[in-house]
């Protein structure tokens, strides 16, 4: 009898979570499943395993595969322009030195962002976000991580994105029923909940993803809060076990775990029910 009572309580709790997820989630079409059957293949920093990260060469390569999304990182230059680079300095990925926020766009654009990866990419430049949007908005999904999290960063990003349309054609939509949806080709993500909250107030039409640091425990209260304005909770791949993913799905939340590099990692995520992954090697997983 005690076992039956426990099973009944668990079933009721799960039903409650499913109900919460179905009616609170604002971005899923009525009657649509909370996740897709075919996993999303997102190219981390444009596919940094095969080309210099966060460059047009990497983005072009991933678009030709094609990946479902190009993931990229954005920071602000000294003169207030949004530039595509991961680190807060240029030291690791270019032939220059110094802080991104202390350099103008003109100074940043003089740097070689390709040779550190391989000499055949010599001459690649740090892109402006507008360059990336001009080439890819509405043609392939874009997963934009804003590395800064102050209110000014949210305002700058919202203003730039507001100039573009992100509807995708049928063959590029994450789910067929989202073809033509102006939200289908863009996701903004951050590790910082306060940034996402601020950005959502400025652009409530743009789907958001919360990046979760490895090992962080997610409470049901947290997930309930996220349903108001967050669509994806992107976990470290080691934390994306079947129980955690089922909890996310029960709340109507999706997950694209990061950063997948090996088949064993991808297989584990598939078995756990992940909605896709963010990978350095999108070509390896394009047929899945």
C-alpha atoms as a PDB file:
ATOM      1  CA  UNK A   1       0.000   0.000   0.000  1.00  0.00           C
ATOM      2  CA  UNK A   2       2.868   2.405   0.866  1.00  0.00           C
ATOM      3  CA  UNK A   3       4.570   1.633  -2.454  1.00  0.00           C
ATOM      4  CA  UNK A   4       1.285   2.235  -4.311  1.00  0.00           C
ATOM      5  CA  UNK A   5       0.834   5.549  -2.511  1.00  0.00           C
ATOM      6  CA  UNK A   6       4.351   6.643  -3.427  1.00  0.00           C
ATOM      7  CA  UNK A   7       3.831   5.689  -7.074  1.00  0.00           C
ATOM      8  CA  UNK A   8       0.516   7.554  -7.154  1.00  0.00           C
ATOM      9  CA  UNK A   9       2.084  10.658  -5.621  1.00  0.00           C
ATOM     10  CA  UNK A  10       4.927  10.555  -8.127  1.00  0.00           C
ATOM     11  CA  UNK A  11       2.522  10.192 -11.033  1.00  0.00           C
ATOM     12  CA  UNK A  12       0.435  13.134  -9.816  1.00  0.00           C
ATOM     13  CA  UNK A  13       3.562  15.259  -9.401  1.00  0.00           C
ATOM     14  CA  UNK A  14       4.688  14.449 -12.936  1.00  0.00           C
ATOM     15  CA  UNK A  15       1.217  15.204 -14.304  1.00  0.00           C
ATOM     16  CA  UNK A  16       1.276  18.534 -12.493  1.00  0.00           C
ATOM     17  CA  UNK A  17       4.669  19.375 -14.008  1.00  0.00           C
ATOM     18  CA  UNK A  18       3.493  18.419 -17.471  1.00  0.00           C
ATOM     19  CA  UNK A  19       0.408  20.572 -17.092  1.00  0.00           C
ATOM     20  CA  UNK A  20       2.496  23.515 -15.907  1.00  0.00           C
ATOM     21  CA  UNK A  21       4.869  23.111 -18.833  1.00  0.00           C
ATOM     22  CA  UNK A  22       2.093  22.903 -21.406  1.00  0.00           C
ATOM     23  CA  UNK A  23       0.132  25.988 -20.430  1.00  0.00           C
ATOM     24  CA  UNK A  24       2.864  28.283 -19.216  1.00  0.00           C
ATOM     25  CA  UNK A  25       5.316  27.967 -22.077  1.00  0.00           C
ATOM     26  CA  UNK A  26       4.723  30.979 -24.353  1.00  0.00           C
ATOM     27  CA  UNK A  27       6.740  29.951 -27.417  1.00  0.00           C
ATOM     28  CA  UNK A  28       5.436  26.524 -28.351  1.00  0.00           C
ATOM     29  CA  UNK A  29       2.597  26.324 -30.888  1.00  0.00           C
ATOM     30  CA  UNK A  30      -0.648  24.892 -29.537  1.00  0.00           C
ATOM     31  CA  UNK A  31      -0.529  21.121 -29.591  1.00  0.00           C
ATOM     32  CA  UNK A  32       3.141  20.953 -30.651  1.00  0.00           C
ATOM     33  CA  UNK A  33       5.466  18.553 -28.839  1.00  0.00           C
ATOM     34  CA  UNK A  34       7.962  20.268 -26.512  1.00  0.00           C
ATOM     35  CA  UNK A  35      10.927  18.939 -28.480  1.00  0.00           C
ATOM     36  CA  UNK A  36      11.711  17.730 -31.981  1.00  0.00           C
ATOM     37  CA  UNK A  37      12.350  14.155 -33.070  1.00  0.00           C
ATOM     38  CA  UNK A  38      15.475  15.097 -35.034  1.00  0.00           C
ATOM     39  CA  UNK A  39      18.149  16.674 -32.812  1.00  0.00           C
ATOM     40  CA  UNK A  40      19.365  20.214 -33.398  1.00  0.00           C
ATOM     41  CA  UNK A  41      22.972  20.379 -34.596  1.00  0.00           C
ATOM     42  CA  UNK A  42      24.478  23.723 -33.495  1.00  0.00           C
ATOM     43  CA  UNK A  43      27.997  24.698 -34.556  1.00  0.00           C
ATOM     44  CA  UNK A  44      29.931  25.919 -31.497  1.00  0.00           C
ATOM     45  CA  UNK A  45      31.674  29.225 -32.339  1.00  0.00           C
ATOM     46  CA  UNK A  46      30.903  28.344 -35.935  1.00  0.00           C
ATOM     47  CA  UNK A  47      32.467  24.876 -35.682  1.00  0.00           C
ATOM     48  CA  UNK A  48      35.807  25.655 -34.081  1.00  0.00           C
ATOM     49  CA  UNK A  49      37.131  22.141 -34.568  1.00  0.00           C
ATOM     50  CA  UNK A  50      37.521  22.718 -38.314  1.00  0.00           C
ATOM     51  CA  UNK A  51      38.070  26.477 -38.695  1.00  0.00           C
ATOM     52  CA  UNK A  52      39.138  29.475 -36.585  1.00  0.00           C
ATOM     53  CA  UNK A  53      36.444  30.168 -34.030  1.00  0.00           C
ATOM     54  CA  UNK A  54      33.983  33.003 -34.482  1.00  0.00           C
ATOM     55  CA  UNK A  55      35.148  33.909 -37.985  1.00  0.00           C
ATOM     56  CA  UNK A  56      33.298  34.170 -41.259  1.00  0.00           C
ATOM     57  CA  UNK A  57      35.352  31.212 -42.512  1.00  0.00           C
ATOM     58  CA  UNK A  58      33.929  29.040 -39.721  1.00  0.00           C
ATOM     59  CA  UNK A  59      30.400  30.325 -40.257  1.00  0.00           C
ATOM     60  CA  UNK A  60      30.576  29.729 -44.011  1.00  0.00           C
ATOM     61  CA  UNK A  61      31.813  26.181 -43.412  1.00  0.00           C
ATOM     62  CA  UNK A  62      29.001  25.350 -40.999  1.00  0.00           C
ATOM     63  CA  UNK A  63      26.385  26.933 -43.256  1.00  0.00           C
ATOM     64  CA  UNK A  64      27.563  24.694 -46.097  1.00  0.00           C
ATOM     65  CA  UNK A  65      27.186  21.475 -44.062  1.00  0.00           C
ATOM     66  CA  UNK A  66      24.500  22.687 -43.184  1.00  0.00           C
ATOM     67  CA  UNK A  67      24.311  22.954 -39.406  1.00  0.00           C
ATOM     68  CA  UNK A  68      20.915  23.880 -37.941  1.00  0.00           C
ATOM     69  CA  UNK A  69      22.366  26.783 -35.974  1.00  0.00           C
ATOM     70  CA  UNK A  70      25.592  28.756 -35.922  1.00  0.00           C
ATOM     71  CA  UNK A  71      26.534  29.538 -32.323  1.00  0.00           C
ATOM     72  CA  UNK A  72      28.623  32.680 -31.809  1.00  0.00           C
ATOM     73  CA  UNK A  73      29.846  34.980 -29.049  1.00  0.00           C
ATOM     74  CA  UNK A  74      29.390  38.747 -28.905  1.00  0.00           C
ATOM     75  CA  UNK A  75      31.200  41.514 -27.027  1.00  0.00           C
ATOM     76  CA  UNK A  76      31.292  45.309 -27.212  1.00  0.00           C
ATOM     77  CA  UNK A  77      34.208  47.338 -28.563  1.00  0.00           C
ATOM     78  CA  UNK A  78      35.431  50.588 -27.026  1.00  0.00           C
ATOM     79  CA  UNK A  79      33.359  52.570 -29.520  1.00  0.00           C
ATOM     80  CA  UNK A  80      30.167  50.642 -28.717  1.00  0.00           C
ATOM     81  CA  UNK A  81      30.024  48.247 -31.669  1.00  0.00           C
ATOM     82  CA  UNK A  82      29.071  44.582 -31.269  1.00  0.00           C
ATOM     83  CA  UNK A  83      31.915  42.302 -32.359  1.00  0.00           C
ATOM     84  CA  UNK A  84      32.087  38.506 -32.576  1.00  0.00           C
ATOM     85  CA  UNK A  85      34.735  37.114 -30.232  1.00  0.00           C
ATOM     86  CA  UNK A  86      34.669  34.770 -27.231  1.00  0.00           C
ATOM     87  CA  UNK A  87      37.419  35.961 -24.893  1.00  0.00           C
ATOM     88  CA  UNK A  88      37.586  39.327 -23.171  1.00  0.00           C
ATOM     89  CA  UNK A  89      41.037  39.805 -24.722  1.00  0.00           C
ATOM     90  CA  UNK A  90      42.279  39.261 -28.268  1.00  0.00           C
ATOM     91  CA  UNK A  91      45.456  37.458 -27.138  1.00  0.00           C
ATOM     92  CA  UNK A  92      44.463  33.807 -27.675  1.00  0.00           C
ATOM     93  CA  UNK A  93      42.749  33.992 -31.052  1.00  0.00           C
ATOM     94  CA  UNK A  94      44.563  36.818 -32.873  1.00  0.00           C
ATOM     95  CA  UNK A  95      48.044  38.203 -33.456  1.00  0.00           C
ATOM     96  CA  UNK A  96      47.314  41.122 -31.140  1.00  0.00           C
ATOM     97  CA  UNK A  97      47.112  41.759 -27.416  1.00  0.00           C
ATOM     98  CA  UNK A  98      44.720  43.709 -25.262  1.00  0.00           C
ATOM     99  CA  UNK A  99      41.187  43.931 -23.955  1.00  0.00           C
ATOM    100  CA  UNK A 100      38.335  43.885 -26.467  1.00  0.00           C
ATOM    101  CA  UNK A 101      36.466  46.610 -24.613  1.00  0.00           C
ATOM    102  CA  UNK A 102      39.525  48.881 -24.749  1.00  0.00           C
ATOM    103  CA  UNK A 103      39.923  48.595 -28.531  1.00  0.00           C
ATOM    104  CA  UNK A 104      37.972  50.314 -31.284  1.00  0.00           C
ATOM    105  CA  UNK A 105      36.433  48.405 -34.176  1.00  0.00           C
ATOM    106  CA  UNK A 106      39.123  49.841 -36.453  1.00  0.00           C
ATOM    107  CA  UNK A 107      41.847  48.456 -34.173  1.00  0.00           C
ATOM    108  CA  UNK A 108      40.140  45.080 -33.813  1.00  0.00           C
ATOM    109  CA  UNK A 109      39.642  44.728 -37.566  1.00  0.00           C
ATOM    110  CA  UNK A 110      43.374  45.080 -38.209  1.00  0.00           C
ATOM    111  CA  UNK A 111      44.085  41.876 -36.298  1.00  0.00           C
ATOM    112  CA  UNK A 112      44.575  38.451 -37.889  1.00  0.00           C
ATOM    113  CA  UNK A 113      41.976  36.110 -36.371  1.00  0.00           C
ATOM    114  CA  UNK A 114      42.820  33.088 -38.528  1.00  0.00           C
ATOM    115  CA  UNK A 115      46.532  32.290 -38.398  1.00  0.00           C
ATOM    116  CA  UNK A 116      46.444  31.112 -34.787  1.00  0.00           C
ATOM    117  CA  UNK A 117      44.312  28.208 -36.027  1.00  0.00           C
ATOM    118  CA  UNK A 118      46.169  27.509 -39.295  1.00  0.00           C
ATOM    119  CA  UNK A 119      48.171  29.571 -41.763  1.00  0.00           C
ATOM    120  CA  UNK A 120      45.672  28.896 -44.553  1.00  0.00           C
ATOM    121  CA  UNK A 121      43.186  31.084 -42.644  1.00  0.00           C
ATOM    122  CA  UNK A 122      45.592  34.011 -42.461  1.00  0.00           C
ATOM    123  CA  UNK A 123      43.796  37.295 -42.922  1.00  0.00           C
ATOM    124  CA  UNK A 124      40.506  36.296 -41.286  1.00  0.00           C
ATOM    125  CA  UNK A 125      39.152  39.233 -39.303  1.00  0.00           C
ATOM    126  CA  UNK A 126      37.079  39.623 -36.174  1.00  0.00           C
ATOM    127  CA  UNK A 127      33.557  40.056 -37.600  1.00  0.00           C
ATOM    128  CA  UNK A 128      31.048  42.669 -36.654  1.00  0.00           C
ATOM    129  CA  UNK A 129      27.748  41.175 -35.543  1.00  0.00           C
ATOM    130  CA  UNK A 130      26.052  43.105 -38.345  1.00  0.00           C
ATOM    131  CA  UNK A 131      28.258  41.352 -40.905  1.00  0.00           C
ATOM    132  CA  UNK A 132      27.110  37.977 -39.638  1.00  0.00           C
ATOM    133  CA  UNK A 133      23.470  39.046 -39.608  1.00  0.00           C
ATOM    134  CA  UNK A 134      23.721  40.547 -43.095  1.00  0.00           C
ATOM    135  CA  UNK A 135      24.946  37.218 -44.453  1.00  0.00           C
ATOM    136  CA  UNK A 136      22.943  34.683 -42.432  1.00  0.00           C
ATOM    137  CA  UNK A 137      19.804  36.170 -40.839  1.00  0.00           C
ATOM    138  CA  UNK A 138      16.826  34.266 -42.219  1.00  0.00           C
ATOM    139  CA  UNK A 139      19.055  31.733 -43.980  1.00  0.00           C
ATOM    140  CA  UNK A 140      20.328  29.600 -41.077  1.00  0.00           C
ATOM    141  CA  UNK A 141      19.594  29.557 -37.357  1.00  0.00           C
ATOM    142  CA  UNK A 142      21.730  31.857 -35.203  1.00  0.00           C
ATOM    143  CA  UNK A 143      22.447  31.106 -31.541  1.00  0.00           C
ATOM    144  CA  UNK A 144      23.970  34.284 -30.106  1.00  0.00           C
ATOM    145  CA  UNK A 145      25.689  34.301 -26.724  1.00  0.00           C
ATOM    146  CA  UNK A 146      26.156  37.773 -25.277  1.00  0.00           C
ATOM    147  CA  UNK A 147      29.274  37.556 -23.113  1.00  0.00           C
ATOM    148  CA  UNK A 148      28.564  40.812 -21.272  1.00  0.00           C
ATOM    149  CA  UNK A 149      25.553  41.018 -19.023  1.00  0.00           C
ATOM    150  CA  UNK A 150      25.028  44.661 -18.123  1.00  0.00           C
ATOM    151  CA  UNK A 151      21.787  46.462 -19.078  1.00  0.00           C
ATOM    152  CA  UNK A 152      23.596  48.433 -21.789  1.00  0.00           C
ATOM    153  CA  UNK A 153      24.657  45.172 -23.471  1.00  0.00           C
ATOM    154  CA  UNK A 154      21.043  44.000 -23.550  1.00  0.00           C
ATOM    155  CA  UNK A 155      19.927  47.286 -25.079  1.00  0.00           C
ATOM    156  CA  UNK A 156      22.657  47.263 -27.731  1.00  0.00           C
ATOM    157  CA  UNK A 157      21.911  43.691 -28.770  1.00  0.00           C
ATOM    158  CA  UNK A 158      18.154  44.277 -28.851  1.00  0.00           C
ATOM    159  CA  UNK A 159      18.617  47.337 -31.064  1.00  0.00           C
ATOM    160  CA  UNK A 160      20.837  45.541 -33.589  1.00  0.00           C
ATOM    161  CA  UNK A 161      18.642  42.438 -33.795  1.00  0.00           C
ATOM    162  CA  UNK A 162      15.611  44.637 -34.312  1.00  0.00           C
ATOM    163  CA  UNK A 163      16.871  45.553 -37.782  1.00  0.00           C
ATOM    164  CA  UNK A 164      16.676  41.976 -39.069  1.00  0.00           C
ATOM    165  CA  UNK A 165      14.109  39.277 -39.838  1.00  0.00           C
ATOM    166  CA  UNK A 166      14.842  35.730 -38.706  1.00  0.00           C
ATOM    167  CA  UNK A 167      12.115  33.639 -40.306  1.00  0.00           C
ATOM    168  CA  UNK A 168      13.571  30.496 -41.900  1.00  0.00           C
ATOM    169  CA  UNK A 169      12.417  28.621 -45.003  1.00  0.00           C
ATOM    170  CA  UNK A 170      10.843  25.168 -44.604  1.00  0.00           C
ATOM    171  CA  UNK A 171      14.063  23.236 -45.238  1.00  0.00           C
ATOM    172  CA  UNK A 172      15.962  25.164 -42.557  1.00  0.00           C
ATOM    173  CA  UNK A 173      13.339  25.411 -39.803  1.00  0.00           C
ATOM    174  CA  UNK A 174      14.037  23.510 -36.597  1.00  0.00           C
ATOM    175  CA  UNK A 175      10.499  22.130 -36.812  1.00  0.00           C
ATOM    176  CA  UNK A 176       8.404  22.244 -40.005  1.00  0.00           C
ATOM    177  CA  UNK A 177       5.521  23.968 -38.244  1.00  0.00           C
ATOM    178  CA  UNK A 178       7.843  26.877 -37.404  1.00  0.00           C
ATOM    179  CA  UNK A 179       8.744  27.638 -41.042  1.00  0.00           C
ATOM    180  CA  UNK A 180       8.051  31.306 -41.626  1.00  0.00           C
ATOM    181  CA  UNK A 181       7.858  32.062 -37.880  1.00  0.00           C
ATOM    182  CA  UNK A 182       9.877  35.220 -37.280  1.00  0.00           C
ATOM    183  CA  UNK A 183      11.296  33.691 -34.080  1.00  0.00           C
ATOM    184  CA  UNK A 184      12.469  30.428 -35.630  1.00  0.00           C
ATOM    185  CA  UNK A 185      15.926  31.521 -36.768  1.00  0.00           C
ATOM    186  CA  UNK A 186      17.261  33.266 -33.680  1.00  0.00           C
ATOM    187  CA  UNK A 187      18.078  32.328 -30.074  1.00  0.00           C
ATOM    188  CA  UNK A 188      19.877  34.588 -27.593  1.00  0.00           C
ATOM    189  CA  UNK A 189      21.678  32.841 -24.751  1.00  0.00           C
ATOM    190  CA  UNK A 190      23.634  33.784 -21.656  1.00  0.00           C
ATOM    191  CA  UNK A 191      24.861  32.345 -18.372  1.00  0.00           C
ATOM    192  CA  UNK A 192      23.337  35.379 -16.647  1.00  0.00           C
ATOM    193  CA  UNK A 193      19.650  35.274 -15.781  1.00  0.00           C
ATOM    194  CA  UNK A 194      19.475  38.998 -15.108  1.00  0.00           C
ATOM    195  CA  UNK A 195      20.705  39.733 -18.636  1.00  0.00           C
ATOM    196  CA  UNK A 196      18.079  37.448 -20.146  1.00  0.00           C
ATOM    197  CA  UNK A 197      15.381  39.051 -18.026  1.00  0.00           C
ATOM    198  CA  UNK A 198      16.399  42.517 -19.194  1.00  0.00           C
ATOM    199  CA  UNK A 199      16.663  41.419 -22.829  1.00  0.00           C
ATOM    200  CA  UNK A 200      13.246  39.764 -22.676  1.00  0.00           C
ATOM    201  CA  UNK A 201      11.655  43.020 -21.545  1.00  0.00           C
ATOM    202  CA  UNK A 202      13.165  44.706 -24.607  1.00  0.00           C
ATOM    203  CA  UNK A 203      12.528  41.907 -27.125  1.00  0.00           C
ATOM    204  CA  UNK A 204       9.865  39.499 -25.813  1.00  0.00           C
ATOM    205  CA  UNK A 205       9.577  37.951 -29.301  1.00  0.00           C
ATOM    206  CA  UNK A 206      13.127  36.506 -29.286  1.00  0.00           C
ATOM    207  CA  UNK A 207      13.559  32.977 -27.834  1.00  0.00           C
ATOM    208  CA  UNK A 208      16.052  32.813 -24.967  1.00  0.00           C
ATOM    209  CA  UNK A 209      18.407  30.157 -23.639  1.00  0.00           C
ATOM    210  CA  UNK A 210      19.917  30.016 -20.163  1.00  0.00           C
ATOM    211  CA  UNK A 211      23.371  28.438 -20.107  1.00  0.00           C
ATOM    212  CA  UNK A 212      23.908  26.455 -16.917  1.00  0.00           C
ATOM    213  CA  UNK A 213      27.360  25.966 -15.424  1.00  0.00           C
ATOM    214  CA  UNK A 214      28.468  22.389 -14.901  1.00  0.00           C
ATOM    215  CA  UNK A 215      27.309  20.878 -11.621  1.00  0.00           C
ATOM    216  CA  UNK A 216      24.646  23.458 -10.834  1.00  0.00           C
ATOM    217  CA  UNK A 217      21.518  21.922  -9.325  1.00  0.00           C
ATOM    218  CA  UNK A 218      18.238  23.066 -10.828  1.00  0.00           C
ATOM    219  CA  UNK A 219      15.298  23.217  -8.450  1.00  0.00           C
ATOM    220  CA  UNK A 220      11.696  22.855  -9.582  1.00  0.00           C
ATOM    221  CA  UNK A 221      11.124  26.420  -8.405  1.00  0.00           C
ATOM    222  CA  UNK A 222      13.871  27.581 -10.770  1.00  0.00           C
ATOM    223  CA  UNK A 223      12.383  25.714 -13.716  1.00  0.00           C
ATOM    224  CA  UNK A 224       8.936  27.088 -12.934  1.00  0.00           C
ATOM    225  CA  UNK A 225      10.376  30.623 -12.998  1.00  0.00           C
ATOM    226  CA  UNK A 226      12.147  30.009 -16.308  1.00  0.00           C
ATOM    227  CA  UNK A 227       8.944  29.017 -18.098  1.00  0.00           C
ATOM    228  CA  UNK A 228       7.800  32.647 -18.058  1.00  0.00           C
ATOM    229  CA  UNK A 229      10.394  33.777 -20.588  1.00  0.00           C
ATOM    230  CA  UNK A 230      13.052  31.130 -21.268  1.00  0.00           C
ATOM    231  CA  UNK A 231      12.726  28.444 -23.923  1.00  0.00           C
ATOM    232  CA  UNK A 232      16.020  26.538 -23.603  1.00  0.00           C
ATOM    233  CA  UNK A 233      18.047  25.524 -20.557  1.00  0.00           C
ATOM    234  CA  UNK A 234      21.394  24.535 -22.041  1.00  0.00           C
ATOM    235  CA  UNK A 235      23.285  22.221 -19.730  1.00  0.00           C
ATOM    236  CA  UNK A 236      26.867  21.017 -19.724  1.00  0.00           C
ATOM    237  CA  UNK A 237      26.696  17.683 -21.537  1.00  0.00           C
ATOM    238  CA  UNK A 238      27.861  15.780 -18.428  1.00  0.00           C
ATOM    239  CA  UNK A 239      24.845  17.087 -16.498  1.00  0.00           C
ATOM    240  CA  UNK A 240      22.355  16.202 -19.249  1.00  0.00           C
ATOM    241  CA  UNK A 241      21.173  12.840 -17.939  1.00  0.00           C
ATOM    242  CA  UNK A 242      17.794  11.350 -18.736  1.00  0.00           C
ATOM    243  CA  UNK A 243      16.199  12.349 -15.435  1.00  0.00           C
ATOM    244  CA  UNK A 244      17.244  15.996 -15.754  1.00  0.00           C
ATOM    245  CA  UNK A 245      16.119  16.229 -19.372  1.00  0.00           C
ATOM    246  CA  UNK A 246      12.775  14.664 -18.524  1.00  0.00           C
ATOM    247  CA  UNK A 247      12.320  17.307 -15.818  1.00  0.00           C
ATOM    248  CA  UNK A 248      13.079  20.078 -18.310  1.00  0.00           C
ATOM    249  CA  UNK A 249      10.636  18.634 -20.834  1.00  0.00           C
ATOM    250  CA  UNK A 250       7.977  18.290 -18.168  1.00  0.00           C
ATOM    251  CA  UNK A 251       8.174  22.055 -17.697  1.00  0.00           C
ATOM    252  CA  UNK A 252       8.044  22.643 -21.454  1.00  0.00           C
ATOM    253  CA  UNK A 253      11.729  23.593 -21.597  1.00  0.00           C
ATOM    254  CA  UNK A 254      14.183  22.450 -24.273  1.00  0.00           C
ATOM    255  CA  UNK A 255      17.912  21.757 -23.954  1.00  0.00           C
ATOM    256  CA  UNK A 256      20.921  21.907 -26.283  1.00  0.00           C
ATOM    257  CA  UNK A 257      23.803  20.666 -24.122  1.00  0.00           C
ATOM    258  CA  UNK A 258      27.325  21.981 -24.660  1.00  0.00           C
ATOM    259  CA  UNK A 259      30.065  21.245 -25.822  1.00  0.00           C
ATOM    260  CA  UNK A 260      29.867  17.902 -27.651  1.00  0.00           C
ATOM    261  CA  UNK A 261      33.023  16.649 -29.368  1.00  0.00           C
ATOM    262  CA  UNK A 262      32.825  12.846 -29.394  1.00  0.00           C
ATOM    263  CA  UNK A 263      30.342  10.266 -30.661  1.00  0.00           C
ATOM    264  CA  UNK A 264      30.086   8.751 -27.176  1.00  0.00           C
ATOM    265  CA  UNK A 265      28.910  12.085 -25.803  1.00  0.00           C
ATOM    266  CA  UNK A 266      26.391  12.496 -28.613  1.00  0.00           C
ATOM    267  CA  UNK A 267      25.084   8.948 -28.152  1.00  0.00           C
ATOM    268  CA  UNK A 268      24.595   9.558 -24.452  1.00  0.00           C
ATOM    269  CA  UNK A 269      22.596  12.717 -25.189  1.00  0.00           C
ATOM    270  CA  UNK A 270      20.440  10.954 -27.772  1.00  0.00           C
ATOM    271  CA  UNK A 271      19.585   8.207 -25.288  1.00  0.00           C
ATOM    272  CA  UNK A 272      18.778  10.802 -22.635  1.00  0.00           C
ATOM    273  CA  UNK A 273      16.362  12.615 -24.959  1.00  0.00           C
ATOM    274  CA  UNK A 274      18.286  15.860 -25.535  1.00  0.00           C
ATOM    275  CA  UNK A 275      16.815  18.194 -28.140  1.00  0.00           C
ATOM    276  CA  UNK A 276      20.207  18.536 -29.788  1.00  0.00           C
ATOM    277  CA  UNK A 277      23.692  19.750 -28.918  1.00  0.00           C
ATOM    278  CA  UNK A 278      26.245  22.481 -29.373  1.00  0.00           C
ATOM    279  CA  UNK A 279      29.342  20.959 -30.975  1.00  0.00           C
ATOM    280  CA  UNK A 280      32.788  21.907 -32.261  1.00  0.00           C
ATOM    281  CA  UNK A 281      32.306  19.385 -35.086  1.00  0.00           C
ATOM    282  CA  UNK A 282      28.880  19.869 -36.704  1.00  0.00           C
ATOM    283  CA  UNK A 283      29.887  17.866 -39.805  1.00  0.00           C
ATOM    284  CA  UNK A 284      30.307  14.720 -37.667  1.00  0.00           C
ATOM    285  CA  UNK A 285      26.688  14.745 -36.581  1.00  0.00           C
ATOM    286  CA  UNK A 286      24.916  16.273 -39.590  1.00  0.00           C
ATOM    287  CA  UNK A 287      23.152  13.052 -40.641  1.00  0.00           C
ATOM    288  CA  UNK A 288      21.539  12.381 -37.248  1.00  0.00           C
END
